[in-house]
Amino acid sequence: MTTPTTAQLTFDELGTPLRDTTFVVFDLETTGGSAAADAITEIGAVKVRGGRVLGTFSTLVDPERGIPPQVVALTGITQYMVTGAPRLATVLPAFLEFAAGSVLVAHNSGFDVGFVKAACERHGYHWPRPTVLCTVKLARRVLSRDEAPSCRLSALAQLFRVGTVPNHRALTDARATVEVLHHLLERVGSVGVHSLEELLAYLPEVTPAQRRKRELAAHLPSSPGVYLFRGPNEEVLYVGTASDLRRRVRQYFTASEGRRRLREMVALAVRVDGVVCAHSLEAEVRELRLLTAHKPAYNRRSKNQGGWWWLTLTEEPFPRLSLVRTPRPGAVGPFRSRRVAEEAQEALLEAVPLRACSQRIPARNPSGTPCALYELGRCKAPCAGRQSVDEYAPAVVALRALVAGEDTAPLRGVAAHLEELSGVHRFEDAAARRDRLAGLVRVLDRGQRLAGLAVLPELVAARPDGAGGWEFAVVRHGRLASAGVARRGVAPMPVVDALVASAETVLPGDGPLFGAPPEEASVVLRWLDRPGTRLVYCDRPWTSPAGAAGAWREWVERAEAGRDQYRVAGH
């Protein structure tokens, strides 16, 4: 009996020919093997298409920690070499931009991609979920054990006699991986693999049973939208978005899905439902709402549906900062994790002289005993009657003005203190406070911008669709109320009028965001901020307060880049 081969893809599944596919082949050097505990010391990447090198990316990275001696011996990267190098917060967005829209390739991709994904999560960047190709897995599929007993990069480089010898430096190893990749692609070309989709389907992780389930995607249109994998009891297993529903869902059955959880999900799925959306913003918002409604077992984000954290002032004679789940007007946030919220709380207490203790202090005749913070000069001991309500009030006023974007004097005070610490050579203390201040500025800036959007009863915006038409969004109090498109040749304003007339009614709620879910408001704001977006209509001015934290973005960029760390020019 003849062993069945990979089913030939239909014409519409052929996708992108390999000669037209852009690959970004990259390699990392790190301080160790754990993405959670170790740090990146070097990134090297080569962008190639059709056998031609389109560009390179290479930089050392300050890991902000020591490099173990055994790692120094292996890579040759010393502590001296990375001292003064840019930090990952600066390098990461540049690398993501370099790799945008490309297929990521790495030798043992789980290691390198794991570090980049962890870095995105740590620094607040969206992981774009690119297609990833592992040259180790491809080599195992293409080469026999006799031909290649080892699939280490050095062994494959020697087997194929490539021109670049790997040496545990990122760019050199990336260049060697490019040559290895090209040799492997020559091998798969001889067996009829000529497109990216065919290449991914050729890898061994896709079982015949998975491939047979391609028919579950047959009814889906080639339109943007949201897809829902359903199990045998109609339960929603997984929710995702796609610019082309049919093609994206089909990839789960034809591509080498490296995530074990999703392979398990595909095995359980009996049906895939699709929700067609006007454009990417509507798809993202619908995905968020479906995740909240169904909490699918195979979406990792379903585990993070416990809500957001906020910092708010308590209602008492001597208000203090309290960490809460339900925000009040004037609250600071939102924060996804309690740890980040606590770091912001520490930064606020450095900027504004509020008390840090949690005890309730009466307005009259307090009988407490001063704590160590009083001895350190960080508290004026209202608990012991050494500070009155009136004397304490300016700190409360300063915090409220800072959060509302009316006055950034507390930030200037912290920045001035950084100069003092630097002047007496207390550089470690200054660096720690600088990082906390930068984090606080980002939090305040984001919260003020979200609040400025959420206060608007109605806003209509448009973006070019790239084909001569327009994408429209009707936003009410930070929520997407309606979405639509006017294709090329269609008069846009009648479409806008219809979208406004049919838009969801949104009643403002409580808190800084007027009831808007923080994640949805963030997605909407990100779409509005993209270059090319135009404001069609706004029923009241969309403004930013004069003293907003956004005025400090340039300072944050300089601080993260490690330049002019403690001075604040122009503030």
Protein backbone atom coordinates (compact mmCIF):
# COMPACT_ATOMS: atom_id res chain seq x y z
CA MET A 1 0.00 0.00 0.00
CA THR A 2 1.37 3.38 -0.97
CA THR A 3 1.86 5.91 1.82
CA PRO A 4 -0.28 9.00 1.10
CA THR A 5 1.67 12.17 0.45
CA THR A 6 0.74 15.70 1.37
CA ALA A 7 -2.48 16.68 -0.38
CA GLN A 8 -1.89 19.15 -3.19
CA LEU A 9 -3.18 22.59 -2.36
CA THR A 10 -5.82 24.23 -4.52
CA PHE A 11 -4.91 27.33 -6.53
CA ASP A 12 -6.25 29.79 -3.95
CA GLU A 13 -4.24 28.07 -1.21
CA LEU A 14 -0.90 28.42 -2.98
CA GLY A 15 -0.42 31.83 -1.41
CA THR A 16 2.94 33.55 -1.65
CA PRO A 17 5.67 31.92 -3.78
CA LEU A 18 8.84 31.35 -1.80
CA ARG A 19 10.77 33.55 -4.22
CA ASP A 20 8.47 36.46 -3.29
CA THR A 21 8.43 35.78 0.45
CA THR A 22 10.41 38.14 2.67
CA PHE A 23 12.27 36.32 5.44
CA VAL A 24 13.90 37.96 8.44
CA VAL A 25 16.48 35.50 9.71
CA PHE A 26 17.58 36.46 13.20
CA ASP A 27 19.62 35.26 16.14
CA LEU A 28 19.97 36.37 19.75
CA GLU A 29 22.73 36.14 22.29
CA THR A 30 21.56 36.11 25.90
CA THR A 31 22.80 35.83 29.47
CA GLY A 32 21.21 32.38 29.80
CA GLY A 33 18.53 30.02 28.58
CA SER A 34 15.39 31.29 30.35
CA ALA A 35 13.28 33.97 28.66
CA ALA A 36 11.70 34.75 32.03
CA ALA A 37 14.91 35.07 34.05
CA ASP A 38 17.64 35.99 31.56
CA ALA A 39 18.25 38.96 29.24
CA ILE A 40 19.25 39.63 25.64
CA THR A 41 22.81 40.86 25.01
CA GLU A 42 22.85 41.00 21.19
CA ILE A 43 20.42 40.92 18.26
CA GLY A 44 21.43 40.18 14.68
CA ALA A 45 19.06 39.85 11.73
CA VAL A 46 19.21 39.61 7.94
CA LYS A 47 16.24 40.41 5.68
CA VAL A 48 16.21 38.38 2.46
CA ARG A 49 13.86 37.81 -0.46
CA GLY A 50 14.44 35.76 -3.58
CA GLY A 51 18.00 34.99 -2.49
CA ARG A 52 18.91 38.69 -2.20
CA VAL A 53 19.85 40.46 1.01
CA LEU A 54 17.55 43.46 1.55
CA GLY A 55 19.02 44.69 4.82
CA THR A 56 20.70 43.81 8.10
CA PHE A 57 20.04 44.67 11.74
CA SER A 58 22.72 44.32 14.39
CA THR A 59 23.22 45.75 17.86
CA LEU A 60 24.56 44.89 21.26
CA VAL A 61 22.05 45.27 24.07
CA ASP A 62 22.66 46.34 27.65
CA PRO A 63 21.16 43.42 29.66
CA GLU A 64 21.09 45.57 32.82
CA ARG A 65 22.65 42.66 34.73
CA GLY A 66 25.88 40.72 34.84
CA ILE A 67 26.91 38.27 32.13
CA PRO A 68 27.93 34.87 33.54
CA PRO A 69 31.58 33.88 32.88
CA GLN A 70 30.57 30.77 30.94
CA VAL A 71 28.45 32.90 28.60
CA VAL A 72 31.34 35.32 28.09
CA ALA A 73 33.55 32.37 27.21
CA LEU A 74 30.99 31.05 24.71
CA THR A 75 30.02 34.29 22.92
CA GLY A 76 32.96 36.59 23.58
CA ILE A 77 30.51 39.31 24.67
CA THR A 78 31.88 40.92 27.82
CA GLN A 79 30.34 43.28 30.35
CA TYR A 80 32.55 46.07 29.01
CA MET A 81 31.15 45.59 25.49
CA VAL A 82 27.52 46.03 26.56
CA THR A 83 28.17 48.92 28.94
CA GLY A 84 26.73 51.97 27.24
CA ALA A 85 24.88 49.89 24.64
CA PRO A 86 21.18 50.71 24.12
CA ARG A 87 18.73 48.98 26.41
CA LEU A 88 16.15 46.53 25.16
CA ALA A 89 13.34 49.09 25.60
CA THR A 90 15.04 51.12 22.86
CA VAL A 91 16.16 48.24 20.63
CA LEU A 92 12.94 46.20 20.68
CA PRO A 93 10.68 48.60 18.71
CA ALA A 94 13.41 49.05 16.09
CA PHE A 95 13.72 45.29 15.64
CA LEU A 96 9.94 44.82 15.47
CA GLU A 97 9.77 47.49 12.77
CA PHE A 98 12.63 45.84 10.85
CA ALA A 99 10.84 42.47 10.96
CA ALA A 100 7.30 43.77 10.35
CA GLY A 101 5.41 41.91 7.63
CA SER A 102 8.09 39.25 7.23
CA VAL A 103 8.37 35.57 8.05
CA LEU A 104 10.63 35.20 11.09
CA VAL A 105 13.29 32.51 10.75
CA ALA A 106 15.60 31.27 13.48
CA HIS A 107 17.65 28.20 14.22
CA ASN A 108 15.76 26.62 17.14
CA SER A 109 13.14 29.35 16.82
CA GLY A 110 11.40 28.48 20.11
CA PHE A 111 14.37 29.90 22.03
CA ASP A 112 14.78 33.15 20.09
CA VAL A 113 11.08 33.85 19.58
CA GLY A 114 10.42 33.08 23.25
CA PHE A 115 12.85 35.81 24.31
CA VAL A 116 11.34 38.36 21.90
CA LYS A 117 7.76 37.55 22.99
CA ALA A 118 8.75 37.86 26.65
CA ALA A 119 10.42 41.19 25.90
CA CYS A 120 7.26 42.46 24.17
CA GLU A 121 5.18 41.52 27.17
CA ARG A 122 7.66 43.07 29.60
CA HIS A 123 7.91 46.38 27.73
CA GLY A 124 4.27 46.70 26.69
CA TYR A 125 4.60 46.03 22.96
CA HIS A 126 2.02 44.08 20.95
CA TRP A 127 3.38 40.73 19.70
CA PRO A 128 2.30 40.71 16.02
CA ARG A 129 2.14 36.88 15.86
CA PRO A 130 4.19 36.57 12.66
CA THR A 131 4.66 33.34 10.77
CA VAL A 132 7.71 31.62 12.25
CA LEU A 133 9.96 29.11 10.50
CA CYS A 134 12.44 27.00 12.45
CA THR A 135 15.44 25.81 10.44
CA VAL A 136 16.03 22.99 12.94
CA LYS A 137 12.55 21.57 12.29
CA LEU A 138 12.92 22.11 8.56
CA ALA A 139 16.28 20.36 8.57
CA ARG A 140 14.83 17.40 10.49
CA ARG A 141 12.10 17.13 7.86
CA VAL A 142 14.41 17.45 4.87
CA LEU A 143 17.56 15.64 5.95
CA SER A 144 17.94 12.03 7.01
CA ARG A 145 19.66 11.07 10.25
CA ASP A 146 22.45 9.48 8.25
CA GLU A 147 23.05 12.67 6.30
CA ALA A 148 22.74 14.98 9.31
CA PRO A 149 23.22 13.21 12.66
CA SER A 150 23.19 16.65 14.29
CA CYS A 151 21.12 19.67 13.30
CA ARG A 152 23.22 22.17 15.21
CA LEU A 153 23.89 25.28 13.16
CA SER A 154 27.61 24.55 13.03
CA ALA A 155 26.95 21.01 11.81
CA LEU A 156 24.56 22.15 9.07
CA ALA A 157 26.95 24.92 8.03
CA GLN A 158 29.68 22.33 7.64
CA LEU A 159 27.35 19.93 5.80
CA PHE A 160 26.32 22.57 3.25
CA ARG A 161 29.80 24.16 3.16
CA VAL A 162 28.40 27.64 3.66
CA GLY A 163 30.60 30.69 3.40
CA THR A 164 29.87 32.01 6.89
CA VAL A 165 31.14 30.05 9.88
CA PRO A 166 28.90 30.35 12.98
CA ASN A 167 30.70 31.78 16.00
CA HIS A 168 27.98 32.48 18.62
CA ARG A 169 27.70 36.12 17.58
CA ALA A 170 24.23 37.17 16.54
CA LEU A 171 24.76 38.68 13.09
CA THR A 172 27.29 36.08 12.02
CA ASP A 173 25.02 33.23 13.10
CA ALA A 174 22.06 34.90 11.36
CA ARG A 175 24.06 35.09 8.12
CA ALA A 176 25.02 31.43 8.44
CA THR A 177 21.35 30.56 9.03
CA VAL A 178 20.40 32.42 5.83
CA GLU A 179 22.73 30.19 3.82
CA VAL A 180 21.46 27.06 5.56
CA LEU A 181 17.87 28.16 4.87
CA HIS A 182 18.55 28.59 1.17
CA HIS A 183 20.05 25.10 0.94
CA LEU A 184 17.04 23.63 2.73
CA LEU A 185 14.64 25.49 0.42
CA GLU A 186 16.45 24.03 -2.57
CA ARG A 187 15.78 20.57 -1.14
CA VAL A 188 12.05 21.12 -0.61
CA GLY A 189 11.72 22.69 -4.06
CA SER A 190 12.68 19.37 -5.60
CA VAL A 191 9.60 17.74 -4.04
CA GLY A 192 7.14 20.36 -5.28
CA VAL A 193 7.12 22.84 -2.37
CA HIS A 194 7.14 26.27 -3.99
CA SER A 195 4.98 28.52 -1.76
CA LEU A 196 5.12 29.60 1.85
CA GLU A 197 1.88 27.77 2.62
CA GLU A 198 3.19 24.57 1.05
CA LEU A 199 6.41 24.90 3.02
CA LEU A 200 4.57 25.27 6.31
CA ALA A 201 2.27 22.39 5.46
CA TYR A 202 5.30 20.24 4.60
CA LEU A 203 6.66 20.41 8.14
CA PRO A 204 5.91 17.32 10.23
CA GLU A 205 3.84 18.84 13.03
CA VAL A 206 0.71 18.89 10.85
CA THR A 207 -0.92 15.47 11.05
CA PRO A 208 -3.11 13.99 8.29
CA ALA A 209 -6.09 14.33 10.67
CA GLN A 210 -5.44 18.07 10.99
CA ARG A 211 -5.06 18.44 7.25
CA ARG A 212 -8.38 16.69 6.59
CA LYS A 213 -10.14 19.31 8.73
CA ARG A 214 -9.44 21.97 6.12
CA GLU A 215 -13.06 21.56 5.04
CA LEU A 216 -14.12 23.34 8.25
CA ALA A 217 -12.88 26.55 6.62
CA ALA A 218 -14.53 25.98 3.24
CA HIS A 219 -17.62 28.10 4.00
CA LEU A 220 -15.69 31.10 5.33
CA PRO A 221 -15.34 34.20 3.12
CA SER A 222 -12.07 35.86 2.20
CA SER A 223 -12.99 38.90 4.28
CA PRO A 224 -11.69 40.49 7.49
CA GLY A 225 -13.36 39.35 10.66
CA VAL A 226 -13.36 37.15 13.73
CA TYR A 227 -13.37 33.35 13.78
CA LEU A 228 -14.54 31.05 16.57
CA PHE A 229 -13.48 27.41 16.86
CA ARG A 230 -16.28 25.41 18.52
CA GLY A 231 -16.07 22.08 20.29
CA PRO A 232 -18.43 19.07 20.26
CA ASN A 233 -20.77 20.72 22.80
CA GLU A 234 -20.94 24.06 20.95
CA GLU A 235 -18.48 25.56 23.42
CA VAL A 236 -16.14 28.23 22.08
CA LEU A 237 -12.60 26.84 22.16
CA TYR A 238 -10.68 29.69 20.59
CA VAL A 239 -11.27 33.19 19.17
CA GLY A 240 -9.02 35.02 16.73
CA THR A 241 -8.98 37.78 14.12
CA ALA A 242 -7.95 37.68 10.47
CA SER A 243 -7.70 39.98 7.48
CA ASP A 244 -8.77 36.96 5.38
CA LEU A 245 -10.95 34.58 7.39
CA ARG A 246 -10.79 31.64 5.01
CA ARG A 247 -7.04 31.71 4.52
CA ARG A 248 -6.22 32.28 8.19
CA VAL A 249 -8.44 29.46 9.48
CA ARG A 250 -7.15 27.11 6.78
CA GLN A 251 -3.62 27.69 8.06
CA TYR A 252 -4.52 25.88 11.29
CA PHE A 253 -5.01 22.73 9.22
CA THR A 254 -2.24 23.14 6.64
CA ALA A 255 0.49 25.07 8.47
CA SER A 256 2.98 23.79 10.98
CA GLU A 257 1.24 25.01 14.13
CA GLY A 258 4.00 24.89 16.71
CA ARG A 259 1.85 25.68 19.72
CA ARG A 260 0.86 22.46 21.41
CA ARG A 261 -2.29 23.95 22.93
CA LEU A 262 -3.61 25.01 19.53
CA ARG A 263 -2.85 21.63 17.96
CA GLU A 264 -4.93 20.13 20.75
CA MET A 265 -7.67 22.70 20.11
CA VAL A 266 -7.78 21.91 16.40
CA ALA A 267 -8.14 18.21 17.21
CA LEU A 268 -11.20 18.99 19.37
CA ALA A 269 -12.87 21.45 17.00
CA VAL A 270 -15.94 20.35 15.05
CA ARG A 271 -16.96 23.71 13.54
CA VAL A 272 -15.55 27.15 12.80
CA ASP A 273 -17.86 30.18 12.80
CA GLY A 274 -16.91 33.45 11.19
CA VAL A 275 -18.08 36.99 11.90
CA VAL A 276 -17.39 39.27 8.95
CA CYS A 277 -16.19 42.74 9.98
CA ALA A 278 -15.85 45.98 8.05
CA HIS A 279 -12.16 46.38 8.85
CA SER A 280 -9.41 45.51 11.32
CA LEU A 281 -10.62 47.80 14.12
CA GLU A 282 -14.04 46.21 14.23
CA ALA A 283 -12.42 42.76 14.20
CA GLU A 284 -10.15 43.61 17.14
CA VAL A 285 -13.02 45.04 19.18
CA ARG A 286 -15.31 42.09 18.45
CA GLU A 287 -12.52 39.72 19.43
CA LEU A 288 -12.15 41.49 22.79
CA ARG A 289 -15.87 41.34 23.44
CA LEU A 290 -16.09 37.65 22.48
CA LEU A 291 -13.15 36.82 24.74
CA THR A 292 -14.92 38.53 27.61
CA ALA A 293 -18.22 36.81 26.87
CA HIS A 294 -16.97 33.25 26.26
CA LYS A 295 -13.57 33.04 28.01
CA PRO A 296 -12.34 30.36 25.57
CA ALA A 297 -10.13 27.73 27.19
CA TYR A 298 -7.43 27.93 24.49
CA ASN A 299 -6.99 31.72 24.43
CA ARG A 300 -4.25 32.70 26.86
CA ARG A 301 -5.87 36.11 27.24
CA SER A 302 -8.90 34.38 28.77
CA LYS A 303 -6.79 33.89 31.88
CA ASN A 304 -6.31 37.65 32.16
CA GLN A 305 -9.98 38.58 32.29
CA GLY A 306 -9.88 39.38 36.00
CA GLY A 307 -10.09 43.10 35.39
CA TRP A 308 -7.74 46.04 35.72
CA TRP A 309 -6.11 47.82 38.63
CA TRP A 310 -6.37 51.52 39.44
CA LEU A 311 -4.82 53.87 41.98
CA THR A 312 -7.27 56.22 43.64
CA LEU A 313 -7.36 58.59 46.59
CA THR A 314 -9.31 57.42 49.63
CA GLU A 315 -12.15 59.48 51.08
CA GLU A 316 -10.80 60.54 54.49
CA PRO A 317 -9.29 63.64 56.14
CA PHE A 318 -5.75 62.57 55.17
CA PRO A 319 -6.29 60.78 51.80
CA ARG A 320 -3.85 58.11 50.69
CA LEU A 321 -3.38 56.11 47.50
CA SER A 322 -5.36 52.89 47.40
CA LEU A 323 -5.18 50.05 44.89
CA VAL A 324 -8.69 49.21 43.65
CA ARG A 325 -10.47 47.28 40.92
CA THR A 326 -13.33 49.74 40.41
CA PRO A 327 -12.03 53.20 39.49
CA ARG A 328 -13.34 56.48 40.79
CA PRO A 329 -13.15 59.78 38.93
CA GLY A 330 -9.54 61.01 39.01
CA ALA A 331 -8.06 57.51 39.43
CA VAL A 332 -4.64 56.69 37.97
CA GLY A 333 -4.49 53.81 35.52
CA PRO A 334 -5.45 51.44 34.14
CA PHE A 335 -2.89 48.76 35.07
CA ARG A 336 -3.03 45.18 33.83
CA SER A 337 -1.02 43.81 36.75
CA ARG A 338 -0.87 44.62 40.44
CA ARG A 339 2.94 44.74 40.32
CA VAL A 340 2.99 47.54 37.73
CA ALA A 341 0.38 49.44 39.73
CA GLU A 342 2.49 49.19 42.88
CA GLU A 343 5.54 50.50 40.99
CA ALA A 344 3.48 53.48 39.82
CA GLN A 345 2.29 54.03 43.38
CA GLU A 346 5.89 54.18 44.58
CA ALA A 347 6.72 56.69 41.83
CA LEU A 348 3.74 58.87 42.77
CA LEU A 349 4.80 58.90 46.42
CA GLU A 350 8.24 60.11 45.29
CA ALA A 351 6.57 62.91 43.30
CA VAL A 352 3.87 63.96 45.76
CA PRO A 353 4.28 64.01 49.60
CA LEU A 354 1.28 61.80 50.40
CA ARG A 355 1.44 59.44 53.34
CA ALA A 356 2.34 55.83 52.54
CA CYS A 357 0.72 54.13 55.54
CA SER A 358 -2.71 52.48 55.39
CA GLN A 359 -4.13 53.44 58.80
CA ARG A 360 -7.15 55.70 59.08
CA ILE A 361 -6.26 59.02 60.70
CA PRO A 362 -8.97 61.19 62.28
CA ALA A 363 -9.06 64.88 61.44
CA ARG A 364 -8.84 65.84 65.12
CA ASN A 365 -6.74 64.57 67.99
CA PRO A 366 -4.80 61.78 66.23
CA SER A 367 -2.92 59.65 68.74
CA GLY A 368 -0.53 57.62 66.63
CA THR A 369 3.22 57.25 66.86
CA PRO A 370 5.49 58.47 64.06
CA CYS A 371 6.99 55.66 61.98
CA ALA A 372 10.42 55.36 60.38
CA LEU A 373 9.30 57.39 57.35
CA TYR A 374 9.00 60.41 59.61
CA GLU A 375 12.59 59.94 60.76
CA LEU A 376 13.68 59.70 57.11
CA GLY A 377 11.87 62.92 56.25
CA ARG A 378 9.43 61.18 53.88
CA CYS A 379 6.32 61.83 56.00
CA LYS A 380 5.27 64.67 58.31
CA ALA A 381 3.45 62.35 60.73
CA PRO A 382 -0.21 63.42 60.51
CA CYS A 383 -0.89 60.24 62.52
CA ALA A 384 0.78 61.93 65.53
CA GLY A 385 -0.84 65.33 65.02
CA ARG A 386 2.31 66.92 63.60
CA GLN A 387 0.57 67.84 60.33
CA SER A 388 -2.94 69.28 60.09
CA VAL A 389 -5.56 68.60 57.45
CA ASP A 390 -4.94 72.03 55.93
CA GLU A 391 -1.17 71.46 55.84
CA TYR A 392 -1.70 68.06 54.18
CA ALA A 393 -4.19 69.33 51.57
CA PRO A 394 -1.65 70.80 49.06
CA ALA A 395 -0.27 67.31 48.40
CA VAL A 396 -3.78 66.08 47.51
CA VAL A 397 -4.34 69.08 45.26
CA ALA A 398 -0.98 68.51 43.54
CA LEU A 399 -1.79 64.84 42.84
CA ARG A 400 -5.21 65.66 41.41
CA ALA A 401 -3.72 68.38 39.21
CA LEU A 402 -1.02 65.97 38.00
CA VAL A 403 -3.53 63.23 37.13
CA ALA A 404 -5.89 65.69 35.44
CA GLY A 405 -3.05 67.09 33.32
CA GLU A 406 -3.25 70.55 34.83
CA ASP A 407 0.25 70.78 36.34
CA THR A 408 3.42 68.69 36.04
CA ALA A 409 5.25 70.40 38.90
CA PRO A 410 5.62 67.08 40.82
CA LEU A 411 7.42 65.58 37.82
CA ARG A 412 9.78 68.53 37.67
CA GLY A 413 10.49 68.04 41.37
CA VAL A 414 11.50 64.42 40.85
CA ALA A 415 13.64 65.36 37.85
CA ALA A 416 15.43 68.01 39.91
CA HIS A 417 16.11 65.42 42.60
CA LEU A 418 17.64 63.16 39.93
CA GLU A 419 20.10 65.93 39.12
CA GLU A 420 21.01 66.22 42.79
CA LEU A 421 21.63 62.47 43.07
CA SER A 422 23.72 62.53 39.93
CA GLY A 423 25.69 65.48 41.24
CA VAL A 424 26.75 63.52 44.33
CA HIS A 425 27.52 60.42 42.19
CA ARG A 426 24.60 58.33 43.48
CA PHE A 427 24.08 57.00 39.99
CA GLU A 428 22.32 53.75 40.89
CA ASP A 429 19.71 55.58 42.99
CA ALA A 430 19.29 58.14 40.23
CA ALA A 431 18.84 55.44 37.58
CA ALA A 432 16.23 53.61 39.64
CA ARG A 433 14.26 56.81 40.25
CA ARG A 434 14.63 57.79 36.59
CA ASP A 435 13.10 54.49 35.51
CA ARG A 436 10.23 54.87 37.95
CA LEU A 437 9.61 58.42 36.74
CA ALA A 438 9.62 57.27 33.10
CA GLY A 439 7.12 54.55 33.94
CA LEU A 440 4.91 57.05 35.76
CA VAL A 441 4.97 59.44 32.80
CA ARG A 442 3.88 56.64 30.46
CA VAL A 443 1.03 55.67 32.79
CA LEU A 444 -0.19 59.23 33.20
CA ASP A 445 0.11 59.95 29.48
CA ARG A 446 -1.84 56.84 28.52
CA GLY A 447 -4.53 57.45 31.11
CA GLN A 448 -4.97 61.09 30.11
CA ARG A 449 -5.21 60.22 26.42
CA LEU A 450 -7.74 57.44 27.08
CA ALA A 451 -9.78 59.75 29.31
CA GLY A 452 -9.71 62.46 26.63
CA LEU A 453 -11.18 59.99 24.15
CA ALA A 454 -13.72 58.47 26.55
CA VAL A 455 -15.22 61.84 27.47
CA LEU A 456 -16.35 62.41 23.85
CA PRO A 457 -20.04 61.57 23.29
CA GLU A 458 -19.44 60.94 19.58
CA LEU A 459 -16.50 60.91 17.20
CA VAL A 460 -16.41 59.76 13.56
CA ALA A 461 -13.05 58.94 11.98
CA ALA A 462 -11.93 57.65 8.61
CA ARG A 463 -8.88 55.85 7.27
CA PRO A 464 -7.90 55.07 3.66
CA ASP A 465 -8.47 51.39 2.89
CA GLY A 466 -5.51 51.25 0.50
CA ALA A 467 -7.70 50.70 -2.56
CA GLY A 468 -9.18 54.15 -3.07
CA GLY A 469 -11.95 53.76 -0.49
CA TRP A 470 -12.45 54.59 3.18
CA GLU A 471 -12.83 52.75 6.46
CA PHE A 472 -15.08 54.45 9.03
CA ALA A 473 -15.49 54.16 12.79
CA VAL A 474 -18.13 55.75 15.00
CA VAL A 475 -16.78 56.00 18.55
CA ARG A 476 -18.91 56.91 21.57
CA HIS A 477 -17.36 57.37 25.00
CA GLY A 478 -14.31 55.31 24.02
CA ARG A 479 -16.31 52.38 22.62
CA LEU A 480 -16.71 51.38 18.99
CA ALA A 481 -20.39 52.02 18.26
CA SER A 482 -20.41 51.34 14.52
CA ALA A 483 -18.02 50.49 11.69
CA GLY A 484 -18.26 50.43 7.92
CA VAL A 485 -16.55 51.07 4.61
CA ALA A 486 -17.10 53.10 1.46
CA ARG A 487 -15.38 51.35 -1.41
CA ARG A 488 -13.78 53.23 -4.25
CA GLY A 489 -16.38 55.10 -6.25
CA VAL A 490 -18.96 55.15 -3.42
CA ALA A 491 -19.89 58.56 -1.98
CA PRO A 492 -18.54 58.48 1.59
CA MET A 493 -20.83 60.89 3.45
CA PRO A 494 -24.08 58.94 2.93
CA VAL A 495 -22.25 55.93 4.37
CA VAL A 496 -21.19 58.01 7.38
CA ASP A 497 -24.76 59.21 7.93
CA ALA A 498 -26.04 55.62 7.84
CA LEU A 499 -23.39 54.43 10.28
CA VAL A 500 -24.15 57.23 12.75
CA ALA A 501 -27.90 56.56 12.51
CA SER A 502 -27.46 52.83 13.18
CA ALA A 503 -24.68 53.10 15.76
CA GLU A 504 -25.00 51.53 19.19
CA THR A 505 -26.27 53.82 21.94
CA VAL A 506 -23.55 54.21 24.58
CA LEU A 507 -24.43 55.71 27.94
CA PRO A 508 -21.46 57.10 29.90
CA GLY A 509 -20.56 55.27 33.06
CA ASP A 510 -18.45 56.09 36.09
CA GLY A 511 -14.72 56.44 36.43
CA PRO A 512 -12.01 58.13 34.34
CA LEU A 513 -13.03 56.20 31.19
CA PHE A 514 -16.78 56.73 31.62
CA GLY A 515 -17.40 53.00 31.70
CA ALA A 516 -15.39 52.11 28.57
CA PRO A 517 -13.40 48.86 28.90
CA PRO A 518 -9.72 49.92 29.07
CA GLU A 519 -8.55 47.39 26.49
CA GLU A 520 -11.22 48.38 23.96
CA ALA A 521 -10.55 52.08 24.46
CA SER A 522 -6.83 51.37 23.94
CA VAL A 523 -7.49 49.51 20.68
CA VAL A 524 -9.69 52.35 19.41
CA LEU A 525 -7.13 55.00 20.36
CA ARG A 526 -4.34 53.05 18.66
CA TRP A 527 -6.39 52.91 15.45
CA LEU A 528 -7.12 56.63 15.63
CA ASP A 529 -3.44 57.42 16.21
CA ARG A 530 -2.25 55.61 13.11
CA PRO A 531 -0.87 57.87 10.34
CA GLY A 532 -3.49 58.72 7.74
CA THR A 533 -6.52 58.72 10.05
CA ARG A 534 -8.84 61.68 9.51
CA LEU A 535 -11.41 63.20 11.84
CA VAL A 536 -14.77 63.41 10.06
CA TYR A 537 -16.91 64.68 12.91
CA CYS A 538 -16.63 65.31 16.65
CA ASP A 539 -19.53 66.78 18.60
CA ARG A 540 -17.17 68.54 20.99
CA PRO A 541 -13.49 69.46 20.73
CA TRP A 542 -11.08 66.55 21.24
CA THR A 543 -8.48 68.21 23.44
CA SER A 544 -5.51 67.44 25.62
CA PRO A 545 -4.85 69.40 28.85
CA ALA A 546 -2.01 71.93 28.72
CA GLY A 547 -0.18 70.26 31.59
CA ALA A 548 -0.55 66.71 30.27
CA ALA A 549 2.17 64.13 30.81
CA GLY A 550 2.53 63.87 27.02
CA ALA A 551 4.79 66.92 27.22
CA TRP A 552 7.33 64.62 28.89
CA ARG A 553 7.44 61.95 26.14
CA GLU A 554 10.68 63.32 24.75
CA TRP A 555 12.25 63.15 28.22
CA VAL A 556 11.16 59.52 28.53
CA GLU A 557 12.66 58.66 25.13
CA ARG A 558 15.97 60.23 26.12
CA ALA A 559 15.92 58.44 29.46
CA GLU A 560 15.23 55.06 27.86
CA ALA A 561 17.94 55.66 25.30
CA GLY A 562 20.39 56.38 28.11
CA ARG A 563 21.18 59.89 26.86
CA ASP A 564 21.01 62.98 29.08
CA GLN A 565 19.57 60.75 31.80
CA TYR A 566 18.84 63.22 34.55
CA ARG A 567 18.34 66.59 32.91
CA VAL A 568 15.01 67.89 31.76
CA ALA A 569 15.39 70.50 29.08
CA GLY A 570 12.52 72.85 28.48
CA HIS A 571 10.46 71.97 31.56
